[in-house]
Amino acid sequence: MTLEITSVQSAEYNADNEIMFTVTCGGITNVITKIFNTSRDRANDAILQAWVDNGNTIGAYVAPKTDLNQWIADRKQDRQQEFSETIDKFSAVQYNFLTDEQKSAIGIWRQEWLDYPSDINNTRPDRLEDVF
């Protein structure tokens, strides 16, 4: 069952660039919804689209503030998990059976992971599928 929208309070873009509306449905306030473009939601979609078409302002997306220390800790934990599933499982014997190219790739990959927490512009390194 779909709740019927009785009024629209506001709208803003989310991180995925979708318009998210804050609406009232009967006695229920602060319901968050969007335009679904389905036959089931046709009536509510029309209400939301009319609100937009009437020139109401849609708020810009505002990214939540990030705690830098937590962000670094999360990336270090991610690195620790990745190493525990890959490089930490290698024995010296296994490592010696790798080609020079694979050893070089591991060295570069490891350095990327070591650098990962220190720079917000670094992207998460991809796992070396042909090695691990």
N, C-alpha and C. Protein backbone atom coordinates (compact mmCIF):
# COMPACT_ATOMS: atom_id res chain seq x y z
N MET A 1 0.84 -1.18 0.00
CA MET A 1 0.00 0.00 0.00
C MET A 1 0.88 1.24 0.00
N THR A 2 0.57 2.18 -0.84
CA THR A 2 1.30 3.44 -0.94
C THR A 2 0.57 4.51 -0.15
N LEU A 3 1.32 5.23 0.69
CA LEU A 3 0.73 6.34 1.42
C LEU A 3 0.44 7.47 0.44
N GLU A 4 -0.65 8.18 0.63
CA GLU A 4 -1.00 9.28 -0.24
C GLU A 4 -0.40 10.57 0.28
N ILE A 5 0.33 11.26 -0.57
CA ILE A 5 0.96 12.53 -0.20
C ILE A 5 -0.13 13.60 -0.10
N THR A 6 -0.13 14.29 1.06
CA THR A 6 -1.10 15.38 1.24
C THR A 6 -0.44 16.76 1.11
N SER A 7 0.88 16.84 1.32
CA SER A 7 1.60 18.09 1.10
C SER A 7 3.10 17.82 0.96
N VAL A 8 3.76 18.76 0.27
CA VAL A 8 5.22 18.67 0.07
C VAL A 8 5.84 19.83 0.83
N GLN A 9 6.79 19.55 1.70
CA GLN A 9 7.45 20.59 2.47
C GLN A 9 8.70 21.13 1.77
N SER A 10 9.52 20.21 1.24
CA SER A 10 10.79 20.65 0.65
C SER A 10 11.35 19.53 -0.22
N ALA A 11 12.42 19.86 -0.91
CA ALA A 11 13.13 18.88 -1.72
C ALA A 11 14.59 19.27 -1.81
N GLU A 12 15.43 18.25 -1.91
CA GLU A 12 16.86 18.50 -2.11
C GLU A 12 17.46 17.31 -2.85
N TYR A 13 18.56 17.59 -3.52
CA TYR A 13 19.28 16.52 -4.22
C TYR A 13 20.04 15.68 -3.20
N ASN A 14 20.17 14.38 -3.50
CA ASN A 14 21.00 13.52 -2.67
C ASN A 14 22.33 13.26 -3.36
N ALA A 15 23.16 12.43 -2.78
CA ALA A 15 24.50 12.16 -3.33
C ALA A 15 24.44 11.53 -4.71
N ASP A 16 23.32 10.88 -5.06
CA ASP A 16 23.17 10.24 -6.37
C ASP A 16 22.47 11.15 -7.37
N ASN A 17 22.32 12.43 -7.02
CA ASN A 17 21.68 13.44 -7.87
C ASN A 17 20.20 13.17 -8.11
N GLU A 18 19.56 12.48 -7.16
CA GLU A 18 18.12 12.27 -7.21
C GLU A 18 17.46 13.35 -6.35
N ILE A 19 16.27 13.77 -6.73
CA ILE A 19 15.53 14.73 -5.91
C ILE A 19 14.79 13.95 -4.83
N MET A 20 15.08 14.28 -3.60
CA MET A 20 14.42 13.64 -2.46
C MET A 20 13.49 14.66 -1.82
N PHE A 21 12.23 14.30 -1.67
CA PHE A 21 11.21 15.19 -1.16
C PHE A 21 10.89 14.86 0.29
N THR A 22 10.63 15.90 1.07
CA THR A 22 10.10 15.73 2.42
C THR A 22 8.62 16.07 2.33
N VAL A 23 7.77 15.10 2.68
CA VAL A 23 6.33 15.25 2.48
C VAL A 23 5.56 14.86 3.73
N THR A 24 4.27 15.17 3.70
CA THR A 24 3.32 14.72 4.71
C THR A 24 2.35 13.79 4.03
N CYS A 25 2.06 12.70 4.66
CA CYS A 25 1.09 11.73 4.16
C CYS A 25 0.02 11.58 5.24
N GLY A 26 -1.08 12.31 5.07
CA GLY A 26 -2.11 12.31 6.10
C GLY A 26 -1.55 12.89 7.38
N GLY A 27 -1.55 12.12 8.45
CA GLY A 27 -1.02 12.58 9.73
C GLY A 27 0.45 12.26 9.94
N ILE A 28 1.11 11.69 8.95
CA ILE A 28 2.51 11.31 9.09
C ILE A 28 3.37 12.39 8.43
N THR A 29 4.22 13.02 9.23
CA THR A 29 5.06 14.12 8.72
C THR A 29 6.49 13.65 8.49
N ASN A 30 7.23 14.48 7.76
CA ASN A 30 8.66 14.25 7.51
C ASN A 30 8.95 12.91 6.84
N VAL A 31 8.10 12.52 5.90
CA VAL A 31 8.32 11.31 5.12
C VAL A 31 9.23 11.68 3.96
N ILE A 32 10.29 10.90 3.74
CA ILE A 32 11.22 11.15 2.64
C ILE A 32 10.83 10.22 1.49
N THR A 33 10.71 10.81 0.30
CA THR A 33 10.33 10.03 -0.88
C THR A 33 10.93 10.65 -2.13
N LYS A 34 10.67 10.02 -3.25
CA LYS A 34 11.15 10.52 -4.54
C LYS A 34 10.13 10.16 -5.61
N ILE A 35 10.35 10.63 -6.82
CA ILE A 35 9.50 10.25 -7.94
C ILE A 35 9.96 8.87 -8.42
N PHE A 36 9.03 7.91 -8.41
CA PHE A 36 9.38 6.53 -8.74
C PHE A 36 9.08 6.16 -10.19
N ASN A 37 8.18 6.90 -10.85
CA ASN A 37 7.80 6.60 -12.23
C ASN A 37 7.28 5.18 -12.40
N THR A 38 6.39 4.78 -11.51
CA THR A 38 5.73 3.48 -11.62
C THR A 38 4.23 3.70 -11.62
N SER A 39 3.49 2.76 -12.16
CA SER A 39 2.03 2.91 -12.21
C SER A 39 1.45 2.95 -10.79
N ARG A 40 2.03 2.22 -9.89
CA ARG A 40 1.54 2.19 -8.51
C ARG A 40 1.65 3.56 -7.84
N ASP A 41 2.68 4.32 -8.21
CA ASP A 41 2.95 5.61 -7.56
C ASP A 41 2.55 6.80 -8.42
N ARG A 42 1.75 6.58 -9.44
CA ARG A 42 1.41 7.63 -10.41
C ARG A 42 0.82 8.87 -9.73
N ALA A 43 -0.10 8.70 -8.80
CA ALA A 43 -0.75 9.86 -8.16
C ALA A 43 0.26 10.67 -7.34
N ASN A 44 1.09 9.99 -6.56
CA ASN A 44 2.09 10.71 -5.77
C ASN A 44 3.16 11.32 -6.66
N ASP A 45 3.55 10.62 -7.72
CA ASP A 45 4.54 11.17 -8.65
C ASP A 45 4.02 12.47 -9.27
N ALA A 46 2.73 12.51 -9.59
CA ALA A 46 2.13 13.71 -10.18
C ALA A 46 2.17 14.88 -9.20
N ILE A 47 1.92 14.61 -7.94
CA ILE A 47 1.98 15.66 -6.91
C ILE A 47 3.40 16.21 -6.80
N LEU A 48 4.37 15.31 -6.77
CA LEU A 48 5.77 15.73 -6.64
C LEU A 48 6.23 16.50 -7.88
N GLN A 49 5.87 16.01 -9.06
CA GLN A 49 6.26 16.69 -10.29
C GLN A 49 5.61 18.07 -10.38
N ALA A 50 4.36 18.19 -9.95
CA ALA A 50 3.68 19.49 -9.96
C ALA A 50 4.39 20.46 -9.02
N TRP A 51 4.86 19.97 -7.88
CA TRP A 51 5.59 20.81 -6.93
C TRP A 51 6.85 21.37 -7.60
N VAL A 52 7.57 20.53 -8.33
CA VAL A 52 8.77 20.97 -9.04
C VAL A 52 8.39 21.95 -10.15
N ASP A 53 7.36 21.60 -10.92
CA ASP A 53 6.94 22.44 -12.05
C ASP A 53 6.44 23.81 -11.62
N ASN A 54 5.98 23.92 -10.38
CA ASN A 54 5.51 25.21 -9.86
C ASN A 54 6.65 26.14 -9.48
N GLY A 55 7.89 25.73 -9.74
CA GLY A 55 9.03 26.61 -9.50
C GLY A 55 9.58 26.58 -8.09
N ASN A 56 9.18 25.62 -7.29
CA ASN A 56 9.73 25.51 -5.94
C ASN A 56 11.23 25.20 -6.01
N THR A 57 11.95 25.67 -5.03
CA THR A 57 13.40 25.52 -5.01
C THR A 57 13.79 24.14 -4.49
N ILE A 58 14.71 23.52 -5.23
CA ILE A 58 15.26 22.23 -4.82
C ILE A 58 16.64 22.49 -4.25
N GLY A 59 16.85 22.11 -3.01
CA GLY A 59 18.12 22.34 -2.34
C GLY A 59 19.25 21.54 -2.94
N ALA A 60 20.44 22.11 -2.94
CA ALA A 60 21.63 21.43 -3.45
C ALA A 60 22.07 20.34 -2.47
N TYR A 61 22.75 19.35 -2.98
CA TYR A 61 23.31 18.31 -2.12
C TYR A 61 24.47 18.90 -1.32
N VAL A 62 24.48 18.64 -0.04
CA VAL A 62 25.57 19.07 0.83
C VAL A 62 26.16 17.81 1.46
N ALA A 63 27.39 17.52 1.11
CA ALA A 63 28.05 16.33 1.65
C ALA A 63 28.24 16.48 3.15
N PRO A 64 28.04 15.40 3.89
CA PRO A 64 28.26 15.49 5.33
C PRO A 64 29.74 15.75 5.63
N LYS A 65 29.98 16.48 6.70
CA LYS A 65 31.35 16.76 7.09
C LYS A 65 32.01 15.45 7.54
N THR A 66 33.26 15.31 7.16
CA THR A 66 34.01 14.11 7.48
C THR A 66 35.00 14.41 8.59
N ASP A 67 35.01 13.54 9.59
CA ASP A 67 36.00 13.62 10.65
C ASP A 67 37.29 13.03 10.07
N LEU A 68 38.30 13.87 9.86
CA LEU A 68 39.52 13.44 9.20
C LEU A 68 40.19 12.28 9.92
N ASN A 69 40.23 12.32 11.23
CA ASN A 69 40.86 11.23 11.98
C ASN A 69 40.12 9.92 11.78
N GLN A 70 38.79 9.98 11.75
CA GLN A 70 38.00 8.76 11.53
C GLN A 70 38.19 8.27 10.10
N TRP A 71 38.26 9.20 9.17
CA TRP A 71 38.47 8.85 7.77
C TRP A 71 39.80 8.10 7.59
N ILE A 72 40.85 8.61 8.21
CA ILE A 72 42.17 7.95 8.14
C ILE A 72 42.10 6.58 8.80
N ALA A 73 41.47 6.50 9.97
CA ALA A 73 41.35 5.22 10.67
C ALA A 73 40.58 4.20 9.84
N ASP A 74 39.52 4.64 9.17
CA ASP A 74 38.74 3.74 8.32
C ASP A 74 39.58 3.21 7.18
N ARG A 75 40.39 4.07 6.57
CA ARG A 75 41.23 3.63 5.46
C ARG A 75 42.34 2.70 5.94
N LYS A 76 42.89 2.95 7.11
CA LYS A 76 43.91 2.06 7.65
C LYS A 76 43.31 0.69 7.97
N GLN A 77 42.09 0.69 8.49
CA GLN A 77 41.41 -0.58 8.78
C GLN A 77 41.12 -1.33 7.47
N ASP A 78 40.72 -0.61 6.45
CA ASP A 78 40.49 -1.20 5.14
C ASP A 78 41.78 -1.84 4.62
N ARG A 79 42.89 -1.13 4.75
CA ARG A 79 44.19 -1.65 4.32
C ARG A 79 44.56 -2.91 5.09
N GLN A 80 44.37 -2.87 6.41
CA GLN A 80 44.69 -4.02 7.24
C GLN A 80 43.88 -5.25 6.81
N GLN A 81 42.60 -5.03 6.53
CA GLN A 81 41.73 -6.13 6.08
C GLN A 81 42.21 -6.67 4.74
N GLU A 82 42.52 -5.78 3.81
CA GLU A 82 42.98 -6.20 2.48
C GLU A 82 44.29 -6.98 2.58
N PHE A 83 45.23 -6.51 3.38
CA PHE A 83 46.50 -7.21 3.54
C PHE A 83 46.30 -8.58 4.19
N SER A 84 45.37 -8.66 5.15
CA SER A 84 45.14 -9.94 5.84
C SER A 84 44.56 -10.99 4.90
N GLU A 85 43.89 -10.53 3.84
CA GLU A 85 43.29 -11.47 2.87
C GLU A 85 44.22 -11.74 1.69
N THR A 86 45.34 -11.05 1.61
CA THR A 86 46.20 -11.18 0.43
C THR A 86 47.66 -11.35 0.81
N ILE A 87 48.35 -10.27 0.93
CA ILE A 87 49.81 -10.29 1.07
C ILE A 87 50.28 -10.99 2.35
N ASP A 88 49.51 -10.88 3.43
CA ASP A 88 49.91 -11.52 4.69
C ASP A 88 49.83 -13.04 4.61
N LYS A 89 49.11 -13.58 3.64
CA LYS A 89 48.98 -15.03 3.50
C LYS A 89 50.12 -15.65 2.70
N PHE A 90 50.94 -14.81 2.08
CA PHE A 90 52.04 -15.31 1.26
C PHE A 90 53.17 -15.82 2.13
N SER A 91 53.67 -16.99 1.81
CA SER A 91 54.88 -17.48 2.47
C SER A 91 56.06 -17.13 1.58
N ALA A 92 57.26 -17.25 2.11
CA ALA A 92 58.46 -16.97 1.32
C ALA A 92 58.55 -17.92 0.13
N VAL A 93 58.13 -19.15 0.32
CA VAL A 93 58.17 -20.13 -0.77
C VAL A 93 57.23 -19.71 -1.89
N GLN A 94 56.01 -19.31 -1.53
CA GLN A 94 55.05 -18.86 -2.55
C GLN A 94 55.57 -17.63 -3.28
N TYR A 95 56.14 -16.72 -2.52
CA TYR A 95 56.65 -15.49 -3.13
C TYR A 95 57.75 -15.79 -4.14
N ASN A 96 58.61 -16.76 -3.83
CA ASN A 96 59.71 -17.11 -4.72
C ASN A 96 59.24 -17.71 -6.04
N PHE A 97 58.03 -18.25 -6.07
CA PHE A 97 57.50 -18.83 -7.31
C PHE A 97 56.86 -17.78 -8.23
N LEU A 98 56.74 -16.55 -7.75
CA LEU A 98 56.16 -15.48 -8.59
C LEU A 98 57.17 -15.03 -9.64
N THR A 99 56.66 -14.52 -10.75
CA THR A 99 57.54 -13.94 -11.77
C THR A 99 58.03 -12.60 -11.27
N ASP A 100 59.06 -12.09 -11.92
CA ASP A 100 59.58 -10.77 -11.56
C ASP A 100 58.51 -9.70 -11.76
N GLU A 101 57.69 -9.85 -12.82
CA GLU A 101 56.61 -8.89 -13.07
C GLU A 101 55.58 -8.91 -11.95
N GLN A 102 55.25 -10.10 -11.47
CA GLN A 102 54.28 -10.21 -10.37
C GLN A 102 54.85 -9.61 -9.09
N LYS A 103 56.12 -9.86 -8.83
CA LYS A 103 56.77 -9.28 -7.64
C LYS A 103 56.78 -7.76 -7.72
N SER A 104 57.07 -7.24 -8.90
CA SER A 104 57.07 -5.79 -9.09
C SER A 104 55.66 -5.23 -8.89
N ALA A 105 54.66 -5.92 -9.44
CA ALA A 105 53.27 -5.48 -9.29
C ALA A 105 52.86 -5.47 -7.82
N ILE A 106 53.28 -6.48 -7.07
CA ILE A 106 52.96 -6.52 -5.63
C ILE A 106 53.62 -5.34 -4.92
N GLY A 107 54.86 -5.03 -5.27
CA GLY A 107 55.55 -3.90 -4.64
C GLY A 107 54.83 -2.58 -4.89
N ILE A 108 54.40 -2.38 -6.12
CA ILE A 108 53.67 -1.15 -6.47
C ILE A 108 52.32 -1.12 -5.75
N TRP A 109 51.61 -2.24 -5.78
CA TRP A 109 50.29 -2.36 -5.13
C TRP A 109 50.40 -2.10 -3.63
N ARG A 110 51.43 -2.70 -3.00
CA ARG A 110 51.64 -2.51 -1.56
C ARG A 110 51.89 -1.05 -1.24
N GLN A 111 52.70 -0.37 -2.05
CA GLN A 111 52.99 1.05 -1.81
C GLN A 111 51.73 1.89 -1.98
N GLU A 112 50.90 1.55 -2.97
CA GLU A 112 49.63 2.27 -3.15
C GLU A 112 48.77 2.14 -1.89
N TRP A 113 48.75 0.94 -1.32
CA TRP A 113 47.97 0.74 -0.09
C TRP A 113 48.58 1.50 1.09
N LEU A 114 49.91 1.55 1.17
CA LEU A 114 50.55 2.29 2.26
C LEU A 114 50.26 3.78 2.14
N ASP A 115 50.15 4.29 0.91
CA ASP A 115 49.87 5.70 0.68
C ASP A 115 48.38 6.03 0.78
N TYR A 116 47.54 5.03 0.65
CA TYR A 116 46.08 5.23 0.58
C TYR A 116 45.51 6.07 1.73
N PRO A 117 45.85 5.82 3.00
CA PRO A 117 45.25 6.63 4.08
C PRO A 117 45.76 8.06 4.17
N SER A 118 46.86 8.37 3.53
CA SER A 118 47.49 9.68 3.75
C SER A 118 47.04 10.78 2.80
N ASP A 119 46.22 10.43 1.80
CA ASP A 119 45.83 11.44 0.82
C ASP A 119 44.37 11.21 0.40
N ILE A 120 43.54 12.20 0.60
CA ILE A 120 42.12 12.07 0.30
C ILE A 120 41.88 11.84 -1.20
N ASN A 121 42.82 12.22 -2.04
CA ASN A 121 42.68 12.05 -3.48
C ASN A 121 43.03 10.64 -3.96
N ASN A 122 43.65 9.84 -3.09
CA ASN A 122 43.99 8.47 -3.46
C ASN A 122 42.73 7.62 -3.51
N THR A 123 42.62 6.82 -4.55
CA THR A 123 41.50 5.90 -4.64
C THR A 123 41.93 4.54 -4.12
N ARG A 124 40.94 3.76 -3.72
CA ARG A 124 41.22 2.44 -3.17
C ARG A 124 41.90 1.58 -4.23
N PRO A 125 43.09 1.04 -3.93
CA PRO A 125 43.78 0.22 -4.92
C PRO A 125 43.01 -1.06 -5.24
N ASP A 126 43.01 -1.43 -6.50
CA ASP A 126 42.36 -2.67 -6.93
C ASP A 126 43.23 -3.85 -6.56
N ARG A 127 42.58 -4.94 -6.17
CA ARG A 127 43.30 -6.16 -5.85
C ARG A 127 43.93 -6.73 -7.11
N LEU A 128 45.12 -7.27 -6.98
CA LEU A 128 45.81 -7.90 -8.10
C LEU A 128 45.25 -9.32 -8.26
N GLU A 129 44.24 -9.44 -9.09
CA GLU A 129 43.53 -10.72 -9.24
C GLU A 129 44.42 -11.83 -9.79
N ASP A 130 45.39 -11.49 -10.62
CA ASP A 130 46.23 -12.54 -11.19
C ASP A 130 47.32 -13.01 -10.22
N VAL A 131 47.43 -12.34 -9.08
CA VAL A 131 48.44 -12.71 -8.09
C VAL A 131 47.80 -13.32 -6.84
N PHE A 132 46.71 -12.71 -6.37
CA PHE A 132 46.09 -13.17 -5.12
C PHE A 132 44.88 -14.02 -5.38
